[in-house]
């Protein structure tokens, strides 16, 4: 599968097969995250791969009751260990860098026949408590990972090219 096929095939998955993710596939997906670019090559991330059923269930609760999160065989928690770097445009680099790495995960997952879902609705203090994450570390993203329980139906609604892209100047 090439990257354009993976981009077109990627979707948010909220129902999972009762099937573990093979270690080789999981390692390839995580390698994609490790290789992602980051500002100044700081790689200010740490990824927690959660497969313990009780911890996953508790992460579902910490995800504002989105139980499907904990029903996935794996939950990847993207954390920032350094939150100090500010880009010259004034934005902190860590949420951008983690988003790039997590999106590498989404595309690698598709290539492996797996599904993911971006989870930004969570209570950071509860996630930290569940996983023993230090206070100074920021939890940026949760991403359940597993085999989708169903086939995609229909097309994802997206803006047209002309609605999303302009050239040279804002119009």
N, C-alpha and C. Protein backbone atom coordinates (compact mmCIF):
# COMPACT_ATOMS: atom_id res chain seq x y z
N UNK A 1 0.85 -1.18 0.00
CA UNK A 1 0.00 0.00 0.00
C UNK A 1 0.89 1.23 0.00
N UNK A 2 0.63 2.17 -0.91
CA UNK A 2 1.42 3.39 -0.89
C UNK A 2 0.78 4.42 0.04
N UNK A 3 1.47 5.49 0.28
CA UNK A 3 1.02 6.48 1.28
C UNK A 3 -0.31 7.11 0.87
N UNK A 4 -0.55 7.32 -0.42
CA UNK A 4 -1.81 7.92 -0.85
C UNK A 4 -2.98 6.98 -0.62
N UNK A 5 -2.77 5.70 -0.82
CA UNK A 5 -3.81 4.72 -0.51
C UNK A 5 -4.09 4.71 0.99
N UNK A 6 -3.05 4.78 1.81
CA UNK A 6 -3.23 4.80 3.26
C UNK A 6 -3.99 6.05 3.70
N UNK A 7 -3.70 7.18 3.09
CA UNK A 7 -4.40 8.42 3.44
C UNK A 7 -5.88 8.30 3.10
N UNK A 8 -6.18 7.76 1.92
CA UNK A 8 -7.59 7.60 1.52
C UNK A 8 -8.32 6.56 2.37
N UNK A 9 -7.61 5.52 2.81
CA UNK A 9 -8.25 4.43 3.56
C UNK A 9 -8.39 4.72 5.05
N UNK A 10 -7.61 5.65 5.59
CA UNK A 10 -7.64 5.92 7.02
C UNK A 10 -9.01 6.44 7.46
N UNK A 11 -9.48 5.91 8.55
CA UNK A 11 -10.76 6.34 9.13
C UNK A 11 -10.69 6.17 10.63
N UNK A 12 -11.62 6.79 11.32
CA UNK A 12 -11.70 6.63 12.76
C UNK A 12 -12.47 5.36 13.08
N UNK A 13 -11.86 4.49 13.87
CA UNK A 13 -12.46 3.20 14.22
C UNK A 13 -12.88 3.25 15.68
N UNK A 14 -14.10 2.80 15.94
CA UNK A 14 -14.63 2.80 17.30
C UNK A 14 -15.17 1.44 17.73
N UNK A 15 -15.04 0.45 16.85
CA UNK A 15 -15.44 -0.92 17.20
C UNK A 15 -14.32 -1.85 16.74
N UNK A 16 -13.98 -2.78 17.64
CA UNK A 16 -12.79 -3.60 17.44
C UNK A 16 -13.10 -5.08 17.42
N UNK A 17 -12.33 -5.82 16.63
CA UNK A 17 -12.38 -7.27 16.70
C UNK A 17 -11.71 -7.71 18.01
N UNK A 18 -12.17 -8.82 18.53
CA UNK A 18 -11.55 -9.40 19.73
C UNK A 18 -10.34 -10.21 19.25
N UNK A 19 -9.30 -9.49 18.90
CA UNK A 19 -8.12 -10.10 18.28
C UNK A 19 -6.90 -9.27 18.65
N UNK A 20 -5.86 -9.88 19.16
CA UNK A 20 -4.67 -9.10 19.53
C UNK A 20 -3.92 -8.60 18.31
N UNK A 21 -3.18 -7.54 18.50
CA UNK A 21 -2.29 -7.01 17.46
C UNK A 21 -0.96 -7.74 17.58
N UNK A 22 -0.53 -8.30 16.47
CA UNK A 22 0.73 -9.03 16.46
C UNK A 22 1.88 -8.10 16.82
N UNK A 23 2.83 -8.61 17.59
CA UNK A 23 3.96 -7.80 18.07
C UNK A 23 4.75 -7.20 16.91
N UNK A 24 4.93 -7.95 15.82
CA UNK A 24 5.70 -7.42 14.69
C UNK A 24 5.00 -6.20 14.07
N UNK A 25 3.67 -6.27 13.96
CA UNK A 25 2.92 -5.14 13.42
C UNK A 25 2.99 -3.94 14.36
N UNK A 26 2.84 -4.21 15.64
CA UNK A 26 2.90 -3.13 16.63
C UNK A 26 4.27 -2.45 16.59
N UNK A 27 5.32 -3.22 16.47
CA UNK A 27 6.66 -2.64 16.43
C UNK A 27 6.86 -1.80 15.17
N UNK A 28 6.31 -2.25 14.02
CA UNK A 28 6.44 -1.45 12.79
C UNK A 28 5.66 -0.14 12.92
N UNK A 29 4.49 -0.19 13.52
CA UNK A 29 3.69 1.02 13.72
C UNK A 29 4.44 2.00 14.64
N UNK A 30 5.00 1.48 15.71
CA UNK A 30 5.71 2.36 16.64
C UNK A 30 7.02 2.88 16.03
N UNK A 31 7.63 2.10 15.18
CA UNK A 31 8.83 2.57 14.48
C UNK A 31 8.49 3.76 13.58
N UNK A 32 7.31 3.75 12.98
CA UNK A 32 6.87 4.88 12.17
C UNK A 32 6.79 6.15 13.02
N UNK A 33 6.31 6.02 14.25
CA UNK A 33 6.25 7.17 15.15
C UNK A 33 7.64 7.64 15.53
N UNK A 34 8.51 6.69 15.83
CA UNK A 34 9.88 7.03 16.24
C UNK A 34 10.62 7.79 15.15
N UNK A 35 10.32 7.50 13.90
CA UNK A 35 11.02 8.13 12.78
C UNK A 35 10.43 9.46 12.35
N UNK A 36 9.35 9.89 12.98
CA UNK A 36 8.70 11.14 12.60
C UNK A 36 9.62 12.34 12.83
N UNK A 37 9.46 13.37 12.01
CA UNK A 37 10.26 14.58 12.23
C UNK A 37 9.77 15.35 13.46
N UNK A 38 10.67 16.15 14.01
CA UNK A 38 10.30 17.02 15.13
C UNK A 38 11.16 18.28 15.07
N UNK A 39 10.66 19.35 15.66
CA UNK A 39 11.38 20.63 15.67
C UNK A 39 12.75 20.44 16.29
N UNK A 40 13.77 20.94 15.63
CA UNK A 40 15.15 20.84 16.09
C UNK A 40 15.56 19.39 16.37
N UNK A 41 14.81 18.44 15.83
CA UNK A 41 15.03 17.01 16.07
C UNK A 41 15.05 16.69 17.58
N UNK A 42 14.23 17.42 18.34
CA UNK A 42 14.20 17.23 19.79
C UNK A 42 13.59 15.89 20.20
N UNK A 43 12.68 15.39 19.36
CA UNK A 43 12.03 14.12 19.67
C UNK A 43 11.56 14.11 21.14
N UNK A 44 10.80 15.11 21.49
CA UNK A 44 10.39 15.32 22.88
C UNK A 44 9.27 14.40 23.33
N UNK A 45 9.14 13.27 22.67
CA UNK A 45 8.04 12.37 22.95
C UNK A 45 8.45 11.11 23.70
N UNK A 46 7.46 10.50 24.27
CA UNK A 46 7.53 9.15 24.83
C UNK A 46 6.16 8.55 24.58
N UNK A 47 6.14 7.32 24.09
CA UNK A 47 4.88 6.64 23.79
C UNK A 47 4.70 5.49 24.77
N UNK A 48 3.53 5.43 25.38
CA UNK A 48 3.20 4.32 26.26
C UNK A 48 2.24 3.42 25.49
N UNK A 49 2.65 2.18 25.28
CA UNK A 49 1.82 1.20 24.58
C UNK A 49 1.12 0.37 25.66
N UNK A 50 -0.18 0.55 25.77
CA UNK A 50 -0.95 -0.07 26.84
C UNK A 50 -1.75 -1.24 26.27
N UNK A 51 -1.46 -2.44 26.79
CA UNK A 51 -2.21 -3.62 26.37
C UNK A 51 -2.92 -4.29 27.55
N UNK A 52 -2.58 -3.95 28.76
CA UNK A 52 -3.21 -4.53 29.95
C UNK A 52 -4.71 -4.17 29.94
N UNK A 53 -5.59 -5.18 30.00
CA UNK A 53 -7.04 -4.92 29.90
C UNK A 53 -7.58 -3.96 30.96
N UNK A 54 -7.14 -4.08 32.21
CA UNK A 54 -7.65 -3.19 33.25
C UNK A 54 -7.19 -1.75 33.00
N UNK A 55 -5.94 -1.55 32.61
CA UNK A 55 -5.45 -0.20 32.33
C UNK A 55 -6.19 0.40 31.13
N UNK A 56 -6.44 -0.41 30.11
CA UNK A 56 -7.18 0.08 28.94
C UNK A 56 -8.59 0.50 29.34
N UNK A 57 -9.24 -0.32 30.16
CA UNK A 57 -10.60 0.01 30.62
C UNK A 57 -10.59 1.34 31.36
N UNK A 58 -9.61 1.52 32.23
CA UNK A 58 -9.50 2.76 33.00
C UNK A 58 -9.20 3.96 32.10
N UNK A 59 -8.45 3.74 31.01
CA UNK A 59 -8.21 4.81 30.05
C UNK A 59 -9.50 5.19 29.33
N UNK A 60 -10.37 4.21 29.09
CA UNK A 60 -11.68 4.51 28.52
C UNK A 60 -12.49 5.40 29.43
N UNK A 61 -12.44 5.15 30.72
CA UNK A 61 -13.12 6.01 31.70
C UNK A 61 -12.51 7.40 31.70
N UNK A 62 -11.17 7.47 31.68
CA UNK A 62 -10.47 8.75 31.68
C UNK A 62 -10.68 9.51 30.37
N UNK A 63 -11.14 8.81 29.34
CA UNK A 63 -11.45 9.44 28.04
C UNK A 63 -12.90 9.91 28.04
N UNK A 64 -13.29 10.47 29.15
CA UNK A 64 -14.64 11.01 29.32
C UNK A 64 -15.72 9.98 29.01
N UNK A 65 -15.43 8.73 29.45
CA UNK A 65 -16.41 7.67 29.32
C UNK A 65 -16.52 7.05 27.93
N UNK A 66 -15.56 7.31 27.07
CA UNK A 66 -15.57 6.70 25.73
C UNK A 66 -15.05 5.26 25.86
N UNK A 67 -15.94 4.36 26.21
CA UNK A 67 -15.52 3.00 26.54
C UNK A 67 -14.85 2.27 25.38
N UNK A 68 -15.16 2.66 24.14
CA UNK A 68 -14.54 1.99 22.99
C UNK A 68 -13.02 2.12 23.02
N UNK A 69 -12.52 3.18 23.67
CA UNK A 69 -11.07 3.36 23.78
C UNK A 69 -10.45 2.15 24.46
N UNK A 70 -11.01 1.77 25.58
CA UNK A 70 -10.48 0.65 26.34
C UNK A 70 -10.80 -0.71 25.76
N UNK A 71 -11.72 -0.76 24.80
CA UNK A 71 -12.07 -2.03 24.16
C UNK A 71 -11.08 -2.42 23.07
N UNK A 72 -10.28 -1.48 22.60
CA UNK A 72 -9.23 -1.80 21.62
C UNK A 72 -8.17 -2.65 22.30
N UNK A 73 -7.50 -3.52 21.56
CA UNK A 73 -6.47 -4.36 22.18
C UNK A 73 -5.22 -3.60 22.62
N UNK A 74 -5.04 -2.41 22.07
CA UNK A 74 -3.89 -1.57 22.41
C UNK A 74 -4.36 -0.12 22.47
N UNK A 75 -3.84 0.63 23.42
CA UNK A 75 -4.02 2.08 23.44
C UNK A 75 -2.63 2.69 23.49
N UNK A 76 -2.34 3.56 22.54
CA UNK A 76 -1.06 4.27 22.50
C UNK A 76 -1.28 5.65 23.10
N UNK A 77 -0.46 5.98 24.08
CA UNK A 77 -0.57 7.28 24.75
C UNK A 77 0.67 8.08 24.37
N UNK A 78 0.44 9.19 23.67
CA UNK A 78 1.53 10.05 23.23
C UNK A 78 1.78 11.14 24.26
N UNK A 79 2.99 11.17 24.81
CA UNK A 79 3.35 12.10 25.87
C UNK A 79 4.51 13.00 25.43
N UNK A 80 4.54 14.20 25.97
CA UNK A 80 5.64 15.12 25.74
C UNK A 80 6.48 15.22 27.01
N UNK A 81 7.76 14.88 26.90
CA UNK A 81 8.64 14.93 28.07
C UNK A 81 9.33 16.28 28.20
N UNK A 82 9.28 17.08 27.13
CA UNK A 82 9.86 18.42 27.15
C UNK A 82 8.85 19.35 26.51
N UNK A 83 8.37 20.31 27.27
CA UNK A 83 7.33 21.22 26.76
C UNK A 83 7.84 22.65 26.63
N UNK A 84 9.15 22.84 26.70
CA UNK A 84 9.70 24.20 26.77
C UNK A 84 9.98 24.83 25.40
N UNK A 85 10.25 24.03 24.37
CA UNK A 85 10.64 24.60 23.09
C UNK A 85 9.50 25.36 22.44
N UNK A 86 9.80 26.60 22.06
CA UNK A 86 8.83 27.45 21.37
C UNK A 86 9.40 27.76 19.99
N UNK A 87 8.59 27.53 18.97
CA UNK A 87 9.00 27.83 17.60
C UNK A 87 9.07 29.33 17.39
N UNK A 88 9.79 29.77 16.38
CA UNK A 88 9.93 31.21 16.14
C UNK A 88 8.59 31.87 15.81
N UNK A 89 7.57 31.08 15.42
CA UNK A 89 6.24 31.62 15.16
C UNK A 89 5.44 31.81 16.45
N UNK A 90 6.01 31.38 17.58
CA UNK A 90 5.35 31.57 18.87
C UNK A 90 4.60 30.36 19.39
N UNK A 91 4.51 29.30 18.62
CA UNK A 91 3.81 28.09 19.07
C UNK A 91 4.77 27.13 19.75
N UNK A 92 4.27 26.44 20.75
CA UNK A 92 5.06 25.36 21.36
C UNK A 92 5.19 24.23 20.34
N UNK A 93 6.36 23.60 20.30
CA UNK A 93 6.59 22.54 19.31
C UNK A 93 6.00 21.20 19.72
N UNK A 94 5.88 20.92 21.01
CA UNK A 94 5.51 19.57 21.42
C UNK A 94 4.15 19.09 20.91
N UNK A 95 3.07 19.92 20.92
CA UNK A 95 1.82 19.36 20.41
C UNK A 95 1.88 19.10 18.90
N UNK A 96 2.63 19.92 18.19
CA UNK A 96 2.78 19.73 16.75
C UNK A 96 3.59 18.47 16.47
N UNK A 97 4.70 18.34 17.16
CA UNK A 97 5.57 17.18 16.96
C UNK A 97 4.87 15.88 17.32
N UNK A 98 4.11 15.89 18.41
CA UNK A 98 3.36 14.68 18.78
C UNK A 98 2.28 14.38 17.77
N UNK A 99 1.63 15.41 17.23
CA UNK A 99 0.59 15.18 16.21
C UNK A 99 1.20 14.55 14.95
N UNK A 100 2.37 15.00 14.56
CA UNK A 100 3.03 14.41 13.40
C UNK A 100 3.33 12.94 13.67
N UNK A 101 3.91 12.64 14.82
CA UNK A 101 4.26 11.25 15.16
C UNK A 101 3.00 10.38 15.26
N UNK A 102 1.95 10.90 15.86
CA UNK A 102 0.72 10.12 15.99
C UNK A 102 0.07 9.89 14.62
N UNK A 103 0.20 10.85 13.72
CA UNK A 103 -0.35 10.62 12.39
C UNK A 103 0.48 9.59 11.62
N UNK A 104 1.78 9.55 11.86
CA UNK A 104 2.57 8.46 11.30
C UNK A 104 2.01 7.11 11.77
N UNK A 105 1.58 7.06 13.03
CA UNK A 105 0.97 5.84 13.57
C UNK A 105 -0.30 5.51 12.80
N UNK A 106 -1.15 6.51 12.55
CA UNK A 106 -2.42 6.23 11.86
C UNK A 106 -2.18 5.65 10.48
N UNK A 107 -1.21 6.19 9.76
CA UNK A 107 -0.96 5.72 8.39
C UNK A 107 -0.27 4.36 8.38
N UNK A 108 0.67 4.16 9.28
CA UNK A 108 1.32 2.85 9.38
C UNK A 108 0.29 1.79 9.78
N UNK A 109 -0.63 2.14 10.65
CA UNK A 109 -1.66 1.21 11.08
C UNK A 109 -2.50 0.76 9.89
N UNK A 110 -2.91 1.70 9.05
CA UNK A 110 -3.70 1.35 7.87
C UNK A 110 -2.92 0.37 6.99
N UNK A 111 -1.64 0.65 6.79
CA UNK A 111 -0.81 -0.23 5.96
C UNK A 111 -0.72 -1.64 6.54
N UNK A 112 -0.89 -1.76 7.86
CA UNK A 112 -0.82 -3.06 8.53
C UNK A 112 -2.20 -3.72 8.66
N UNK A 113 -3.24 -3.08 8.12
CA UNK A 113 -4.58 -3.64 8.24
C UNK A 113 -5.26 -3.33 9.56
N UNK A 114 -4.73 -2.33 10.28
CA UNK A 114 -5.24 -1.96 11.60
C UNK A 114 -6.00 -0.64 11.52
N UNK A 115 -6.74 -0.34 12.57
CA UNK A 115 -7.46 0.92 12.66
C UNK A 115 -7.07 1.68 13.91
N UNK A 116 -7.35 2.97 13.89
CA UNK A 116 -7.04 3.87 15.00
C UNK A 116 -8.17 4.88 15.15
N UNK A 117 -8.11 5.66 16.22
CA UNK A 117 -9.01 6.79 16.40
C UNK A 117 -8.29 7.83 17.25
N UNK A 118 -8.25 9.06 16.77
CA UNK A 118 -7.66 10.15 17.55
C UNK A 118 -8.54 10.43 18.75
N UNK A 119 -7.95 10.46 19.94
CA UNK A 119 -8.71 10.77 21.16
C UNK A 119 -8.07 11.99 21.81
N UNK A 120 -8.79 13.09 21.72
CA UNK A 120 -8.34 14.32 22.38
C UNK A 120 -9.22 14.66 23.57
N UNK A 121 -10.33 13.94 23.71
CA UNK A 121 -11.24 14.16 24.83
C UNK A 121 -10.85 13.19 25.95
N UNK A 122 -10.02 13.69 26.85
CA UNK A 122 -9.61 12.88 28.00
C UNK A 122 -9.25 13.81 29.14
N UNK A 123 -9.24 13.27 30.33
CA UNK A 123 -8.86 14.03 31.52
C UNK A 123 -7.40 13.68 31.82
N UNK A 124 -6.52 14.63 31.55
CA UNK A 124 -5.09 14.37 31.64
C UNK A 124 -4.67 13.87 33.02
N UNK A 125 -5.21 14.46 34.08
CA UNK A 125 -4.81 14.03 35.42
C UNK A 125 -5.19 12.57 35.68
N UNK A 126 -6.34 12.14 35.16
CA UNK A 126 -6.75 10.74 35.33
C UNK A 126 -5.86 9.80 34.53
N UNK A 127 -5.52 10.19 33.29
CA UNK A 127 -4.62 9.35 32.47
C UNK A 127 -3.26 9.23 33.17
N UNK A 128 -2.77 10.34 33.70
CA UNK A 128 -1.49 10.31 34.42
C UNK A 128 -1.57 9.38 35.62
N UNK A 129 -2.67 9.45 36.33
CA UNK A 129 -2.85 8.60 37.51
C UNK A 129 -2.88 7.11 37.12
N UNK A 130 -3.62 6.78 36.08
CA UNK A 130 -3.74 5.39 35.63
C UNK A 130 -2.37 4.82 35.24
N UNK A 131 -1.55 5.63 34.56
CA UNK A 131 -0.30 5.13 33.99
C UNK A 131 0.95 5.54 34.76
N UNK A 132 0.79 6.26 35.85
CA UNK A 132 1.96 6.66 36.65
C UNK A 132 2.86 7.65 35.92
N UNK A 133 2.27 8.56 35.16
CA UNK A 133 3.01 9.55 34.39
C UNK A 133 3.37 10.71 35.30
N UNK A 134 4.64 11.14 35.31
CA UNK A 134 5.06 12.25 36.18
C UNK A 134 4.33 13.56 35.86
N UNK A 135 4.23 14.41 36.86
CA UNK A 135 3.52 15.69 36.73
C UNK A 135 4.06 16.55 35.60
N UNK A 136 5.38 16.58 35.41
CA UNK A 136 5.98 17.48 34.42
C UNK A 136 5.79 17.03 32.98
N UNK A 137 5.32 15.81 32.77
CA UNK A 137 5.07 15.27 31.43
C UNK A 137 3.64 15.61 31.02
N UNK A 138 3.46 16.01 29.75
CA UNK A 138 2.11 16.29 29.24
C UNK A 138 1.60 15.11 28.42
N UNK A 139 0.36 14.74 28.65
CA UNK A 139 -0.31 13.75 27.81
C UNK A 139 -0.97 14.54 26.68
N UNK A 140 -0.59 14.23 25.46
CA UNK A 140 -1.08 14.99 24.31
C UNK A 140 -2.17 14.25 23.56
N UNK A 141 -2.09 12.95 23.49
CA UNK A 141 -3.01 12.20 22.65
C UNK A 141 -3.14 10.76 23.12
N UNK A 142 -4.34 10.21 22.99
CA UNK A 142 -4.57 8.78 23.17
C UNK A 142 -5.02 8.23 21.83
N UNK A 143 -4.58 7.03 21.50
CA UNK A 143 -4.95 6.44 20.23
C UNK A 143 -5.17 4.93 20.39
N UNK A 144 -6.44 4.50 20.42
CA UNK A 144 -6.70 3.07 20.40
C UNK A 144 -6.27 2.49 19.06
N UNK A 145 -5.81 1.24 19.10
CA UNK A 145 -5.28 0.57 17.92
C UNK A 145 -5.74 -0.88 17.92
N UNK A 146 -6.21 -1.35 16.79
CA UNK A 146 -6.62 -2.74 16.68
C UNK A 146 -7.22 -3.03 15.33
N UNK A 147 -7.78 -4.22 15.20
CA UNK A 147 -8.44 -4.61 13.97
C UNK A 147 -9.87 -4.09 13.98
N UNK A 148 -10.26 -3.33 12.95
CA UNK A 148 -11.64 -2.83 12.90
C UNK A 148 -12.65 -3.98 12.88
N UNK A 149 -13.77 -3.79 13.56
CA UNK A 149 -14.81 -4.81 13.62
C UNK A 149 -15.67 -4.81 12.37
N UNK A 150 -15.64 -3.71 11.62
CA UNK A 150 -16.50 -3.63 10.45
C UNK A 150 -15.76 -3.00 9.29
N UNK A 151 -16.33 -3.13 8.13
CA UNK A 151 -15.77 -2.52 6.92
C UNK A 151 -16.30 -1.10 6.81
N UNK A 152 -15.50 -0.20 6.23
CA UNK A 152 -15.98 1.17 6.07
C UNK A 152 -17.18 1.22 5.14
N UNK A 153 -18.09 2.12 5.45
CA UNK A 153 -19.25 2.34 4.59
C UNK A 153 -19.27 3.79 4.15
N UNK A 154 -19.54 4.02 2.90
CA UNK A 154 -19.63 5.39 2.40
C UNK A 154 -18.29 6.08 2.35
N UNK A 155 -18.34 7.35 2.02
CA UNK A 155 -17.14 8.16 1.91
C UNK A 155 -17.06 9.13 3.09
N UNK A 156 -15.83 9.45 3.47
CA UNK A 156 -15.65 10.47 4.50
C UNK A 156 -16.03 11.82 3.89
N UNK A 157 -16.81 12.58 4.64
CA UNK A 157 -17.17 13.91 4.16
C UNK A 157 -15.96 14.82 4.34
N UNK A 158 -15.51 15.39 3.28
CA UNK A 158 -14.38 16.31 3.30
C UNK A 158 -14.72 17.51 2.44
N UNK A 159 -14.16 18.66 2.77
CA UNK A 159 -14.29 19.82 1.92
C UNK A 159 -13.73 19.49 0.54
N UNK A 160 -14.23 20.19 -0.46
CA UNK A 160 -13.67 20.02 -1.80
C UNK A 160 -12.27 20.65 -1.82
N UNK A 161 -11.52 20.29 -2.82
CA UNK A 161 -10.17 20.85 -2.98
C UNK A 161 -10.23 22.38 -2.98
N UNK A 162 -11.16 22.95 -3.77
CA UNK A 162 -11.24 24.41 -3.87
C UNK A 162 -11.69 25.07 -2.58
N UNK A 163 -12.41 24.35 -1.72
CA UNK A 163 -12.79 24.89 -0.42
C UNK A 163 -11.62 24.88 0.55
N UNK A 164 -10.71 23.95 0.37
CA UNK A 164 -9.61 23.77 1.32
C UNK A 164 -8.30 24.42 0.89
N UNK A 165 -8.13 24.66 -0.40
CA UNK A 165 -6.82 25.11 -0.91
C UNK A 165 -6.98 26.40 -1.70
N UNK A 166 -6.17 27.37 -1.37
CA UNK A 166 -6.06 28.59 -2.18
C UNK A 166 -4.59 28.77 -2.56
N UNK A 167 -4.35 29.57 -3.55
CA UNK A 167 -2.97 29.78 -4.01
C UNK A 167 -2.56 31.23 -3.83
N UNK A 168 -1.35 31.39 -3.38
CA UNK A 168 -0.66 32.66 -3.27
C UNK A 168 -1.21 33.62 -2.21
N UNK A 169 -2.51 33.79 -2.09
CA UNK A 169 -3.08 34.73 -1.13
C UNK A 169 -4.39 34.18 -0.58
N UNK A 170 -4.74 34.62 0.60
CA UNK A 170 -6.01 34.24 1.22
C UNK A 170 -7.15 34.81 0.37
N UNK A 171 -8.08 33.95 0.00
CA UNK A 171 -9.23 34.46 -0.76
C UNK A 171 -10.49 33.86 -0.21
